[in-house]
Amino acid sequence: MGKRDDLIAEYAEDLRTKCGMEPDMDLLTKVTIGCGPTIYNRDASTVAASDKEELETIRKNFLVRKLGLANSPDLMDAIESVIETYGRSERQKFRAVIYYMLVKHFGKESIYG
């Protein structure tokens, strides 16, 4: 297994143990690949849930641009909901896991089809 496969396995484990959901491994792989090289950068691969600027960037760049959602207050509510599911006290929140849960939340799996 390569480095990316190891990371995907780690993300799947987070989804199972911290988020209480069984991941769709095909979708998780595609979302992870969509994150590009950020998954290999320790800082960029995680999300600082308390940083409002970072959450705004997720809303703007991922939800609006990548998933094609209309900009509305519901988007930030969804991000907050996903962070709650992951666990606010969880120190390390992987970007790929957050993105995966947002894709599932909005039913946008077809983007990665």
PDB file of N, CA and C in Angstrom:
ATOM      1  N   MET A   1       0.833  -1.191   0.000  1.00  0.00           N
ATOM      2  CA  MET A   1       0.000   0.000   0.000  1.00  0.00           C
ATOM      3  C   MET A   1       0.873   1.248   0.000  1.00  0.00           C
ATOM      4  N   GLY A   2       0.424   2.249  -0.739  1.00  0.00           N
ATOM      5  CA  GLY A   2       1.148   3.505  -0.790  1.00  0.00           C
ATOM      6  C   GLY A   2       0.700   4.443   0.314  1.00  0.00           C
ATOM      7  N   LYS A   3       1.325   5.590   0.351  1.00  0.00           N
ATOM      8  CA  LYS A   3       1.027   6.605   1.368  1.00  0.00           C
ATOM      9  C   LYS A   3      -0.444   7.037   1.307  1.00  0.00           C
ATOM     10  N   ARG A   4      -0.957   7.244   0.079  1.00  0.00           N
ATOM     11  CA  ARG A   4      -2.360   7.664  -0.053  1.00  0.00           C
ATOM     12  C   ARG A   4      -3.295   6.587   0.477  1.00  0.00           C
ATOM     13  N   ASP A   5      -3.007   5.331   0.194  1.00  0.00           N
ATOM     14  CA  ASP A   5      -3.849   4.239   0.694  1.00  0.00           C
ATOM     15  C   ASP A   5      -3.837   4.192   2.218  1.00  0.00           C
ATOM     16  N   ASP A   6      -2.678   4.447   2.809  1.00  0.00           N
ATOM     17  CA  ASP A   6      -2.572   4.482   4.268  1.00  0.00           C
ATOM     18  C   ASP A   6      -3.438   5.604   4.843  1.00  0.00           C
ATOM     19  N   LEU A   7      -3.400   6.756   4.190  1.00  0.00           N
ATOM     20  CA  LEU A   7      -4.204   7.893   4.650  1.00  0.00           C
ATOM     21  C   LEU A   7      -5.691   7.603   4.517  1.00  0.00           C
ATOM     22  N   ILE A   8      -6.095   6.993   3.401  1.00  0.00           N
ATOM     23  CA  ILE A   8      -7.511   6.660   3.182  1.00  0.00           C
ATOM     24  C   ILE A   8      -7.977   5.693   4.269  1.00  0.00           C
ATOM     25  N   ALA A   9      -7.139   4.724   4.607  1.00  0.00           N
ATOM     26  CA  ALA A   9      -7.484   3.782   5.680  1.00  0.00           C
ATOM     27  C   ALA A   9      -7.642   4.519   7.011  1.00  0.00           C
ATOM     28  N   GLU A  10      -6.781   5.496   7.263  1.00  0.00           N
ATOM     29  CA  GLU A  10      -6.870   6.295   8.492  1.00  0.00           C
ATOM     30  C   GLU A  10      -8.161   7.125   8.491  1.00  0.00           C
ATOM     31  N   TYR A  11      -8.502   7.698   7.353  1.00  0.00           N
ATOM     32  CA  TYR A  11      -9.737   8.482   7.253  1.00  0.00           C
ATOM     33  C   TYR A  11     -10.961   7.587   7.480  1.00  0.00           C
ATOM     34  N   ALA A  12     -10.934   6.391   6.905  1.00  0.00           N
ATOM     35  CA  ALA A  12     -12.048   5.450   7.075  1.00  0.00           C
ATOM     36  C   ALA A  12     -12.206   5.077   8.547  1.00  0.00           C
ATOM     37  N   GLU A  13     -11.098   4.884   9.222  1.00  0.00           N
ATOM     38  CA  GLU A  13     -11.138   4.557  10.655  1.00  0.00           C
ATOM     39  C   GLU A  13     -11.736   5.714  11.450  1.00  0.00           C
ATOM     40  N   ASP A  14     -11.381   6.949  11.115  1.00  0.00           N
ATOM     41  CA  ASP A  14     -11.980   8.114  11.780  1.00  0.00           C
ATOM     42  C   ASP A  14     -13.485   8.139  11.557  1.00  0.00           C
ATOM     43  N   LEU A  15     -13.916   7.865  10.340  1.00  0.00           N
ATOM     44  CA  LEU A  15     -15.355   7.867  10.049  1.00  0.00           C
ATOM     45  C   LEU A  15     -16.071   6.805  10.881  1.00  0.00           C
ATOM     46  N   ARG A  16     -15.459   5.645  11.019  1.00  0.00           N
ATOM     47  CA  ARG A  16     -16.078   4.572  11.806  1.00  0.00           C
ATOM     48  C   ARG A  16     -16.092   4.889  13.303  1.00  0.00           C
ATOM     49  N   THR A  17     -14.936   5.245  13.839  1.00  0.00           N
ATOM     50  CA  THR A  17     -14.812   5.360  15.296  1.00  0.00           C
ATOM     51  C   THR A  17     -15.225   6.721  15.848  1.00  0.00           C
ATOM     52  N   LYS A  18     -14.916   7.793  15.150  1.00  0.00           N
ATOM     53  CA  LYS A  18     -15.202   9.131  15.672  1.00  0.00           C
ATOM     54  C   LYS A  18     -16.530   9.699  15.177  1.00  0.00           C
ATOM     55  N   CYS A  19     -16.938   9.269  13.983  1.00  0.00           N
ATOM     56  CA  CYS A  19     -18.155   9.837  13.381  1.00  0.00           C
ATOM     57  C   CYS A  19     -19.323   8.858  13.391  1.00  0.00           C
ATOM     58  N   GLY A  20     -19.045   7.589  13.705  1.00  0.00           N
ATOM     59  CA  GLY A  20     -20.114   6.593  13.797  1.00  0.00           C
ATOM     60  C   GLY A  20     -20.765   6.247  12.481  1.00  0.00           C
ATOM     61  N   MET A  21     -19.996   6.249  11.398  1.00  0.00           N
ATOM     62  CA  MET A  21     -20.574   5.889  10.099  1.00  0.00           C
ATOM     63  C   MET A  21     -19.640   4.956   9.337  1.00  0.00           C
ATOM     64  N   GLU A  22     -20.245   4.088   8.562  1.00  0.00           N
ATOM     65  CA  GLU A  22     -19.461   3.177   7.727  1.00  0.00           C
ATOM     66  C   GLU A  22     -19.215   3.896   6.398  1.00  0.00           C
ATOM     67  N   PRO A  23     -17.947   4.119   6.055  1.00  0.00           N
ATOM     68  CA  PRO A  23     -17.651   4.887   4.839  1.00  0.00           C
ATOM     69  C   PRO A  23     -17.873   4.103   3.552  1.00  0.00           C
ATOM     70  N   ASP A  24     -18.291   4.809   2.531  1.00  0.00           N
ATOM     71  CA  ASP A  24     -18.317   4.307   1.156  1.00  0.00           C
ATOM     72  C   ASP A  24     -16.875   4.489   0.679  1.00  0.00           C
ATOM     73  N   MET A  25     -16.126   3.403   0.615  1.00  0.00           N
ATOM     74  CA  MET A  25     -14.692   3.495   0.350  1.00  0.00           C
ATOM     75  C   MET A  25     -14.390   4.073  -1.033  1.00  0.00           C
ATOM     76  N   ASP A  26     -15.231   3.789  -2.010  1.00  0.00           N
ATOM     77  CA  ASP A  26     -15.015   4.340  -3.349  1.00  0.00           C
ATOM     78  C   ASP A  26     -15.137   5.862  -3.320  1.00  0.00           C
ATOM     79  N   LEU A  27     -16.196   6.355  -2.663  1.00  0.00           N
ATOM     80  CA  LEU A  27     -16.391   7.800  -2.561  1.00  0.00           C
ATOM     81  C   LEU A  27     -15.289   8.438  -1.723  1.00  0.00           C
ATOM     82  N   LEU A  28     -14.926   7.815  -0.612  1.00  0.00           N
ATOM     83  CA  LEU A  28     -13.866   8.356   0.236  1.00  0.00           C
ATOM     84  C   LEU A  28     -12.558   8.463  -0.541  1.00  0.00           C
ATOM     85  N   THR A  29     -12.261   7.470  -1.349  1.00  0.00           N
ATOM     86  CA  THR A  29     -11.048   7.498  -2.176  1.00  0.00           C
ATOM     87  C   THR A  29     -11.099   8.657  -3.160  1.00  0.00           C
ATOM     88  N   LYS A  30     -12.241   8.847  -3.815  1.00  0.00           N
ATOM     89  CA  LYS A  30     -12.375   9.925  -4.794  1.00  0.00           C
ATOM     90  C   LYS A  30     -12.292  11.309  -4.137  1.00  0.00           C
ATOM     91  N   VAL A  31     -12.911  11.457  -2.974  1.00  0.00           N
ATOM     92  CA  VAL A  31     -12.846  12.734  -2.257  1.00  0.00           C
ATOM     93  C   VAL A  31     -11.403  13.008  -1.836  1.00  0.00           C
ATOM     94  N   THR A  32     -10.717  11.975  -1.361  1.00  0.00           N
ATOM     95  CA  THR A  32      -9.320  12.123  -0.937  1.00  0.00           C
ATOM     96  C   THR A  32      -8.443  12.531  -2.116  1.00  0.00           C
ATOM     97  N   ILE A  33      -8.620  11.880  -3.252  1.00  0.00           N
ATOM     98  CA  ILE A  33      -7.860  12.236  -4.452  1.00  0.00           C
ATOM     99  C   ILE A  33      -8.170  13.675  -4.852  1.00  0.00           C
ATOM    100  N   GLY A  34      -9.438  14.083  -4.710  1.00  0.00           N
ATOM    101  CA  GLY A  34      -9.849  15.443  -5.030  1.00  0.00           C
ATOM    102  C   GLY A  34      -9.194  16.499  -4.143  1.00  0.00           C
ATOM    103  N   CYS A  35      -8.748  16.097  -2.967  1.00  0.00           N
ATOM    104  CA  CYS A  35      -8.049  17.031  -2.070  1.00  0.00           C
ATOM    105  C   CYS A  35      -6.646  17.342  -2.576  1.00  0.00           C
ATOM    106  N   GLY A  36      -6.153  16.522  -3.479  1.00  0.00           N
ATOM    107  CA  GLY A  36      -4.838  16.759  -4.063  1.00  0.00           C
ATOM    108  C   GLY A  36      -3.717  16.590  -3.063  1.00  0.00           C
ATOM    109  N   PRO A  37      -2.622  17.311  -3.287  1.00  0.00           N
ATOM    110  CA  PRO A  37      -1.439  17.131  -2.432  1.00  0.00           C
ATOM    111  C   PRO A  37      -1.603  17.633  -1.004  1.00  0.00           C
ATOM    112  N   THR A  38      -2.694  18.320  -0.694  1.00  0.00           N
ATOM    113  CA  THR A  38      -2.872  18.814   0.677  1.00  0.00           C
ATOM    114  C   THR A  38      -2.904  17.674   1.686  1.00  0.00           C
ATOM    115  N   ILE A  39      -3.302  16.480   1.263  1.00  0.00           N
ATOM    116  CA  ILE A  39      -3.394  15.367   2.215  1.00  0.00           C
ATOM    117  C   ILE A  39      -2.031  14.969   2.768  1.00  0.00           C
ATOM    118  N   TYR A  40      -0.961  15.345   2.059  1.00  0.00           N
ATOM    119  CA  TYR A  40       0.388  14.979   2.497  1.00  0.00           C
ATOM    120  C   TYR A  40       1.039  16.054   3.367  1.00  0.00           C
ATOM    121  N   ASN A  41       0.388  17.203   3.485  1.00  0.00           N
ATOM    122  CA  ASN A  41       0.911  18.306   4.297  1.00  0.00           C
ATOM    123  C   ASN A  41       0.218  18.272   5.649  1.00  0.00           C
ATOM    124  N   ARG A  42       0.986  18.128   6.693  1.00  0.00           N
ATOM    125  CA  ARG A  42       0.433  17.970   8.044  1.00  0.00           C
ATOM    126  C   ARG A  42      -0.562  19.072   8.406  1.00  0.00           C
ATOM    127  N   ASP A  43      -0.233  20.314   8.106  1.00  0.00           N
ATOM    128  CA  ASP A  43      -1.113  21.427   8.454  1.00  0.00           C
ATOM    129  C   ASP A  43      -2.326  21.498   7.523  1.00  0.00           C
ATOM    130  N   ALA A  44      -2.094  21.412   6.229  1.00  0.00           N
ATOM    131  CA  ALA A  44      -3.180  21.561   5.248  1.00  0.00           C
ATOM    132  C   ALA A  44      -4.149  20.374   5.257  1.00  0.00           C
ATOM    133  N   SER A  45      -3.706  19.219   5.736  1.00  0.00           N
ATOM    134  CA  SER A  45      -4.554  18.027   5.712  1.00  0.00           C
ATOM    135  C   SER A  45      -5.604  18.026   6.815  1.00  0.00           C
ATOM    136  N   THR A  46      -5.489  18.976   7.739  1.00  0.00           N
ATOM    137  CA  THR A  46      -6.463  19.053   8.825  1.00  0.00           C
ATOM    138  C   THR A  46      -7.215  20.382   8.782  1.00  0.00           C
ATOM    139  N   VAL A  47      -8.339  20.404   9.473  1.00  0.00           N
ATOM    140  CA  VAL A  47      -9.181  21.597   9.529  1.00  0.00           C
ATOM    141  C   VAL A  47      -9.190  22.116  10.962  1.00  0.00           C
ATOM    142  N   ALA A  48      -8.913  23.389  11.110  1.00  0.00           N
ATOM    143  CA  ALA A  48      -9.007  24.042  12.423  1.00  0.00           C
ATOM    144  C   ALA A  48     -10.442  24.523  12.590  1.00  0.00           C
ATOM    145  N   ALA A  49     -11.230  23.743  13.294  1.00  0.00           N
ATOM    146  CA  ALA A  49     -12.666  24.010  13.409  1.00  0.00           C
ATOM    147  C   ALA A  49     -12.981  25.315  14.127  1.00  0.00           C
ATOM    148  N   SER A  50     -12.051  25.824  14.905  1.00  0.00           N
ATOM    149  CA  SER A  50     -12.308  27.072  15.623  1.00  0.00           C
ATOM    150  C   SER A  50     -11.910  28.304  14.810  1.00  0.00           C
ATOM    151  N   ASP A  51     -11.310  28.093  13.649  1.00  0.00           N
ATOM    152  CA  ASP A  51     -10.862  29.194  12.790  1.00  0.00           C
ATOM    153  C   ASP A  51     -11.967  29.540  11.788  1.00  0.00           C
ATOM    154  N   LYS A  52     -12.666  30.636  12.065  1.00  0.00           N
ATOM    155  CA  LYS A  52     -13.797  31.038  11.214  1.00  0.00           C
ATOM    156  C   LYS A  52     -13.374  31.293   9.766  1.00  0.00           C
ATOM    157  N   GLU A  53     -12.159  31.814   9.568  1.00  0.00           N
ATOM    158  CA  GLU A  53     -11.664  32.041   8.207  1.00  0.00           C
ATOM    159  C   GLU A  53     -11.518  30.736   7.440  1.00  0.00           C
ATOM    160  N   GLU A  54     -11.021  29.716   8.120  1.00  0.00           N
ATOM    161  CA  GLU A  54     -10.861  28.420   7.462  1.00  0.00           C
ATOM    162  C   GLU A  54     -12.214  27.817   7.102  1.00  0.00           C
ATOM    163  N   LEU A  55     -13.183  27.944   7.994  1.00  0.00           N
ATOM    164  CA  LEU A  55     -14.525  27.434   7.710  1.00  0.00           C
ATOM    165  C   LEU A  55     -15.160  28.198   6.550  1.00  0.00           C
ATOM    166  N   GLU A  56     -14.888  29.479   6.488  1.00  0.00           N
ATOM    167  CA  GLU A  56     -15.389  30.301   5.380  1.00  0.00           C
ATOM    168  C   GLU A  56     -14.762  29.850   4.057  1.00  0.00           C
ATOM    169  N   THR A  57     -13.490  29.491   4.094  1.00  0.00           N
ATOM    170  CA  THR A  57     -12.805  28.995   2.898  1.00  0.00           C
ATOM    171  C   THR A  57     -13.419  27.670   2.441  1.00  0.00           C
ATOM    172  N   ILE A  58     -13.754  26.800   3.384  1.00  0.00           N
ATOM    173  CA  ILE A  58     -14.413  25.536   3.028  1.00  0.00           C
ATOM    174  C   ILE A  58     -15.755  25.832   2.365  1.00  0.00           C
ATOM    175  N   ARG A  59     -16.500  26.759   2.960  1.00  0.00           N
ATOM    176  CA  ARG A  59     -17.806  27.122   2.387  1.00  0.00           C
ATOM    177  C   ARG A  59     -17.647  27.623   0.963  1.00  0.00           C
ATOM    178  N   LYS A  60     -16.727  28.568   0.778  1.00  0.00           N
ATOM    179  CA  LYS A  60     -16.561  29.227  -0.521  1.00  0.00           C
ATOM    180  C   LYS A  60     -15.917  28.305  -1.566  1.00  0.00           C
ATOM    181  N   ASN A  61     -14.791  27.698  -1.208  1.00  0.00           N
ATOM    182  CA  ASN A  61     -14.033  26.926  -2.206  1.00  0.00           C
ATOM    183  C   ASN A  61     -14.547  25.509  -2.420  1.00  0.00           C
ATOM    184  N   PHE A  62     -15.027  24.864  -1.365  1.00  0.00           N
ATOM    185  CA  PHE A  62     -15.480  23.484  -1.539  1.00  0.00           C
ATOM    186  C   PHE A  62     -16.976  23.404  -1.823  1.00  0.00           C
ATOM    187  N   LEU A  63     -17.784  23.977  -0.946  1.00  0.00           N
ATOM    188  CA  LEU A  63     -19.234  23.826  -1.113  1.00  0.00           C
ATOM    189  C   LEU A  63     -19.777  24.600  -2.309  1.00  0.00           C
ATOM    190  N   VAL A  64     -19.343  25.840  -2.473  1.00  0.00           N
ATOM    191  CA  VAL A  64     -19.886  26.653  -3.570  1.00  0.00           C
ATOM    192  C   VAL A  64     -19.189  26.323  -4.895  1.00  0.00           C
ATOM    193  N   ARG A  65     -17.855  26.357  -4.908  1.00  0.00           N
ATOM    194  CA  ARG A  65     -17.134  26.130  -6.173  1.00  0.00           C
ATOM    195  C   ARG A  65     -17.122  24.670  -6.598  1.00  0.00           C
ATOM    196  N   LYS A  66     -16.689  23.784  -5.717  1.00  0.00           N
ATOM    197  CA  LYS A  66     -16.532  22.377  -6.091  1.00  0.00           C
ATOM    198  C   LYS A  66     -17.873  21.659  -6.202  1.00  0.00           C
ATOM    199  N   LEU A  67     -18.723  21.798  -5.178  1.00  0.00           N
ATOM    200  CA  LEU A  67     -19.997  21.075  -5.193  1.00  0.00           C
ATOM    201  C   LEU A  67     -21.103  21.831  -5.920  1.00  0.00           C
ATOM    202  N   GLY A  68     -20.878  23.107  -6.215  1.00  0.00           N
ATOM    203  CA  GLY A  68     -21.857  23.875  -6.980  1.00  0.00           C
ATOM    204  C   GLY A  68     -23.109  24.248  -6.201  1.00  0.00           C
ATOM    205  N   LEU A  69     -22.992  24.374  -4.899  1.00  0.00           N
ATOM    206  CA  LEU A  69     -24.150  24.728  -4.078  1.00  0.00           C
ATOM    207  C   LEU A  69     -24.357  26.238  -4.067  1.00  0.00           C
ATOM    208  N   ALA A  70     -25.612  26.642  -3.923  1.00  0.00           N
ATOM    209  CA  ALA A  70     -25.927  28.067  -3.827  1.00  0.00           C
ATOM    210  C   ALA A  70     -25.459  28.573  -2.466  1.00  0.00           C
ATOM    211  N   ASN A  71     -24.875  29.753  -2.458  1.00  0.00           N
ATOM    212  CA  ASN A  71     -24.374  30.335  -1.224  1.00  0.00           C
ATOM    213  C   ASN A  71     -25.549  30.726  -0.330  1.00  0.00           C
ATOM    214  N   SER A  72     -25.596  30.129   0.856  1.00  0.00           N
ATOM    215  CA  SER A  72     -26.658  30.442   1.810  1.00  0.00           C
ATOM    216  C   SER A  72     -26.154  30.140   3.224  1.00  0.00           C
ATOM    217  N   PRO A  73     -26.863  30.640   4.235  1.00  0.00           N
ATOM    218  CA  PRO A  73     -26.463  30.356   5.620  1.00  0.00           C
ATOM    219  C   PRO A  73     -26.493  28.856   5.947  1.00  0.00           C
ATOM    220  N   ASP A  74     -27.276  28.085   5.180  1.00  0.00           N
ATOM    221  CA  ASP A  74     -27.353  26.639   5.396  1.00  0.00           C
ATOM    222  C   ASP A  74     -25.992  25.970   5.233  1.00  0.00           C
ATOM    223  N   LEU A  75     -25.141  26.543   4.403  1.00  0.00           N
ATOM    224  CA  LEU A  75     -23.830  25.948   4.162  1.00  0.00           C
ATOM    225  C   LEU A  75     -22.979  25.962   5.429  1.00  0.00           C
ATOM    226  N   MET A  76     -22.953  27.082   6.123  1.00  0.00           N
ATOM    227  CA  MET A  76     -22.164  27.158   7.353  1.00  0.00           C
ATOM    228  C   MET A  76     -22.783  26.272   8.430  1.00  0.00           C
ATOM    229  N   ASP A  77     -24.117  26.185   8.444  1.00  0.00           N
ATOM    230  CA  ASP A  77     -24.796  25.287   9.389  1.00  0.00           C
ATOM    231  C   ASP A  77     -24.374  23.841   9.140  1.00  0.00           C
ATOM    232  N   ALA A  78     -24.255  23.467   7.871  1.00  0.00           N
ATOM    233  CA  ALA A  78     -23.840  22.100   7.521  1.00  0.00           C
ATOM    234  C   ALA A  78     -22.403  21.841   7.963  1.00  0.00           C
ATOM    235  N   ILE A  79     -21.526  22.816   7.762  1.00  0.00           N
ATOM    236  CA  ILE A  79     -20.132  22.670   8.200  1.00  0.00           C
ATOM    237  C   ILE A  79     -20.089  22.482   9.713  1.00  0.00           C
ATOM    238  N   GLU A  80     -20.830  23.295  10.437  1.00  0.00           N
ATOM    239  CA  GLU A  80     -20.871  23.190  11.901  1.00  0.00           C
ATOM    240  C   GLU A  80     -21.422  21.823  12.332  1.00  0.00           C
ATOM    241  N   SER A  81     -22.434  21.339  11.633  1.00  0.00           N
ATOM    242  CA  SER A  81     -23.024  20.043  11.945  1.00  0.00           C
ATOM    243  C   SER A  81     -22.014  18.908  11.747  1.00  0.00           C
ATOM    244  N   VAL A  82     -21.265  18.973  10.653  1.00  0.00           N
ATOM    245  CA  VAL A  82     -20.252  17.961  10.367  1.00  0.00           C
ATOM    246  C   VAL A  82     -19.158  17.994  11.439  1.00  0.00           C
ATOM    247  N   ILE A  83     -18.766  19.179  11.856  1.00  0.00           N
ATOM    248  CA  ILE A  83     -17.744  19.307  12.898  1.00  0.00           C
ATOM    249  C   ILE A  83     -18.256  18.734  14.217  1.00  0.00           C
ATOM    250  N   GLU A  84     -19.527  18.962  14.519  1.00  0.00           N
ATOM    251  CA  GLU A  84     -20.125  18.372  15.724  1.00  0.00           C
ATOM    252  C   GLU A  84     -20.084  16.844  15.648  1.00  0.00           C
ATOM    253  N   THR A  85     -20.427  16.306  14.483  1.00  0.00           N
ATOM    254  CA  THR A  85     -20.400  14.856  14.297  1.00  0.00           C
ATOM    255  C   THR A  85     -18.991  14.309  14.497  1.00  0.00           C
ATOM    256  N   TYR A  86     -18.006  15.006  13.954  1.00  0.00           N
ATOM    257  CA  TYR A  86     -16.604  14.588  14.081  1.00  0.00           C
ATOM    258  C   TYR A  86     -16.166  14.689  15.548  1.00  0.00           C
ATOM    259  N   GLY A  87     -16.687  15.693  16.237  1.00  0.00           N
ATOM    260  CA  GLY A  87     -16.331  15.904  17.642  1.00  0.00           C
ATOM    261  C   GLY A  87     -15.510  17.171  17.792  1.00  0.00           C
ATOM    262  N   ARG A  88     -16.103  18.189  18.377  1.00  0.00           N
ATOM    263  CA  ARG A  88     -15.395  19.461  18.550  1.00  0.00           C
ATOM    264  C   ARG A  88     -14.098  19.286  19.330  1.00  0.00           C
ATOM    265  N   SER A  89     -14.116  18.388  20.297  1.00  0.00           N
ATOM    266  CA  SER A  89     -12.933  18.207  21.136  1.00  0.00           C
ATOM    267  C   SER A  89     -11.850  17.382  20.424  1.00  0.00           C
ATOM    268  N   GLU A  90     -12.203  16.789  19.299  1.00  0.00           N
ATOM    269  CA  GLU A  90     -11.233  16.001  18.524  1.00  0.00           C
ATOM    270  C   GLU A  90     -10.189  16.958  17.966  1.00  0.00           C
ATOM    271  N   ARG A  91      -8.960  16.776  18.381  1.00  0.00           N
ATOM    272  CA  ARG A  91      -7.900  17.703  17.992  1.00  0.00           C
ATOM    273  C   ARG A  91      -7.588  17.678  16.507  1.00  0.00           C
ATOM    274  N   GLN A  92      -7.566  16.498  15.944  1.00  0.00           N
ATOM    275  CA  GLN A  92      -7.167  16.353  14.545  1.00  0.00           C
ATOM    276  C   GLN A  92      -8.381  15.978  13.693  1.00  0.00           C
ATOM    277  N   LYS A  93      -8.856  16.942  12.932  1.00  0.00           N
ATOM    278  CA  LYS A  93      -9.985  16.712  12.029  1.00  0.00           C
ATOM    279  C   LYS A  93      -9.454  16.753  10.606  1.00  0.00           C
ATOM    280  N   PHE A  94      -9.449  15.600   9.956  1.00  0.00           N
ATOM    281  CA  PHE A  94      -8.896  15.526   8.607  1.00  0.00           C
ATOM    282  C   PHE A  94      -9.823  16.190   7.590  1.00  0.00           C
ATOM    283  N   ARG A  95      -9.221  16.974   6.716  1.00  0.00           N
ATOM    284  CA  ARG A  95      -9.949  17.683   5.665  1.00  0.00           C
ATOM    285  C   ARG A  95     -10.757  16.715   4.799  1.00  0.00           C
ATOM    286  N   ALA A  96     -10.137  15.607   4.401  1.00  0.00           N
ATOM    287  CA  ALA A  96     -10.819  14.639   3.528  1.00  0.00           C
ATOM    288  C   ALA A  96     -12.060  14.057   4.210  1.00  0.00           C
ATOM    289  N   VAL A  97     -12.000  13.843   5.504  1.00  0.00           N
ATOM    290  CA  VAL A  97     -13.153  13.313   6.247  1.00  0.00           C
ATOM    291  C   VAL A  97     -14.264  14.356   6.300  1.00  0.00           C
ATOM    292  N   ILE A  98     -13.914  15.595   6.575  1.00  0.00           N
ATOM    293  CA  ILE A  98     -14.906  16.686   6.605  1.00  0.00           C
ATOM    294  C   ILE A  98     -15.554  16.823   5.223  1.00  0.00           C
ATOM    295  N   TYR A  99     -14.739  16.836   4.179  1.00  0.00           N
ATOM    296  CA  TYR A  99     -15.270  16.961   2.824  1.00  0.00           C
ATOM    297  C   TYR A  99     -16.177  15.777   2.486  1.00  0.00           C
ATOM    298  N   TYR A 100     -15.772  14.578   2.857  1.00  0.00           N
ATOM    299  CA  TYR A 100     -16.577  13.380   2.609  1.00  0.00           C
ATOM    300  C   TYR A 100     -17.950  13.532   3.267  1.00  0.00           C
ATOM    301  N   MET A 101     -17.960  13.949   4.541  1.00  0.00           N
ATOM    302  CA  MET A 101     -19.237  14.090   5.251  1.00  0.00           C
ATOM    303  C   MET A 101     -20.100  15.188   4.634  1.00  0.00           C
ATOM    304  N   LEU A 102     -19.481  16.250   4.137  1.00  0.00           N
ATOM    305  CA  LEU A 102     -20.246  17.314   3.485  1.00  0.00           C
ATOM    306  C   LEU A 102     -20.844  16.825   2.159  1.00  0.00           C
ATOM    307  N   VAL A 103     -20.088  16.045   1.416  1.00  0.00           N
ATOM    308  CA  VAL A 103     -20.605  15.471   0.164  1.00  0.00           C
ATOM    309  C   VAL A 103     -21.827  14.612   0.478  1.00  0.00           C
ATOM    310  N   LYS A 104     -21.719  13.769   1.504  1.00  0.00           N
ATOM    311  CA  LYS A 104     -22.840  12.909   1.901  1.00  0.00           C
ATOM    312  C   LYS A 104     -24.022  13.757   2.395  1.00  0.00           C
ATOM    313  N   HIS A 105     -23.726  14.771   3.200  1.00  0.00           N
ATOM    314  CA  HIS A 105     -24.772  15.630   3.766  1.00  0.00           C
ATOM    315  C   HIS A 105     -25.623  16.263   2.666  1.00  0.00           C
ATOM    316  N   PHE A 106     -24.975  16.735   1.625  1.00  0.00           N
ATOM    317  CA  PHE A 106     -25.688  17.422   0.545  1.00  0.00           C
ATOM    318  C   PHE A 106     -26.086  16.486  -0.604  1.00  0.00           C
ATOM    319  N   GLY A 107     -25.776  15.199  -0.493  1.00  0.00           N
ATOM    320  CA  GLY A 107     -26.151  14.241  -1.541  1.00  0.00           C
ATOM    321  C   GLY A 107     -25.475  14.537  -2.863  1.00  0.00           C
ATOM    322  N   LYS A 108     -24.228  14.985  -2.819  1.00  0.00           N
ATOM    323  CA  LYS A 108     -23.510  15.378  -4.028  1.00  0.00           C
ATOM    324  C   LYS A 108     -22.500  14.321  -4.479  1.00  0.00           C
ATOM    325  N   GLU A 109     -22.776  13.061  -4.197  1.00  0.00           N
ATOM    326  CA  GLU A 109     -21.869  11.982  -4.586  1.00  0.00           C
ATOM    327  C   GLU A 109     -21.636  11.950  -6.093  1.00  0.00           C
ATOM    328  N   SER A 110     -22.620  12.395  -6.866  1.00  0.00           N
ATOM    329  CA  SER A 110     -22.499  12.357  -8.328  1.00  0.00           C
ATOM    330  C   SER A 110     -21.355  13.225  -8.842  1.00  0.00           C
ATOM    331  N   ILE A 111     -20.939  14.227  -8.061  1.00  0.00           N
ATOM    332  CA  ILE A 111     -19.798  15.071  -8.439  1.00  0.00           C
ATOM    333  C   ILE A 111     -18.559  14.207  -8.616  1.00  0.00           C
ATOM    334  N   TYR A 112     -18.456  13.140  -7.819  1.00  0.00           N
ATOM    335  CA  TYR A 112     -17.289  12.271  -7.840  1.00  0.00           C
ATOM    336  C   TYR A 112     -17.554  10.981  -8.620  1.00  0.00           C
ATOM    337  N   GLY A 113     -18.679  10.927  -9.355  1.00  0.00           N
ATOM    338  CA  GLY A 113     -19.095   9.713 -10.050  1.00  0.00           C
ATOM    339  C   GLY A 113     -18.303   9.380 -11.277  1.00  0.00           C
TER     340      GLY A 113
END
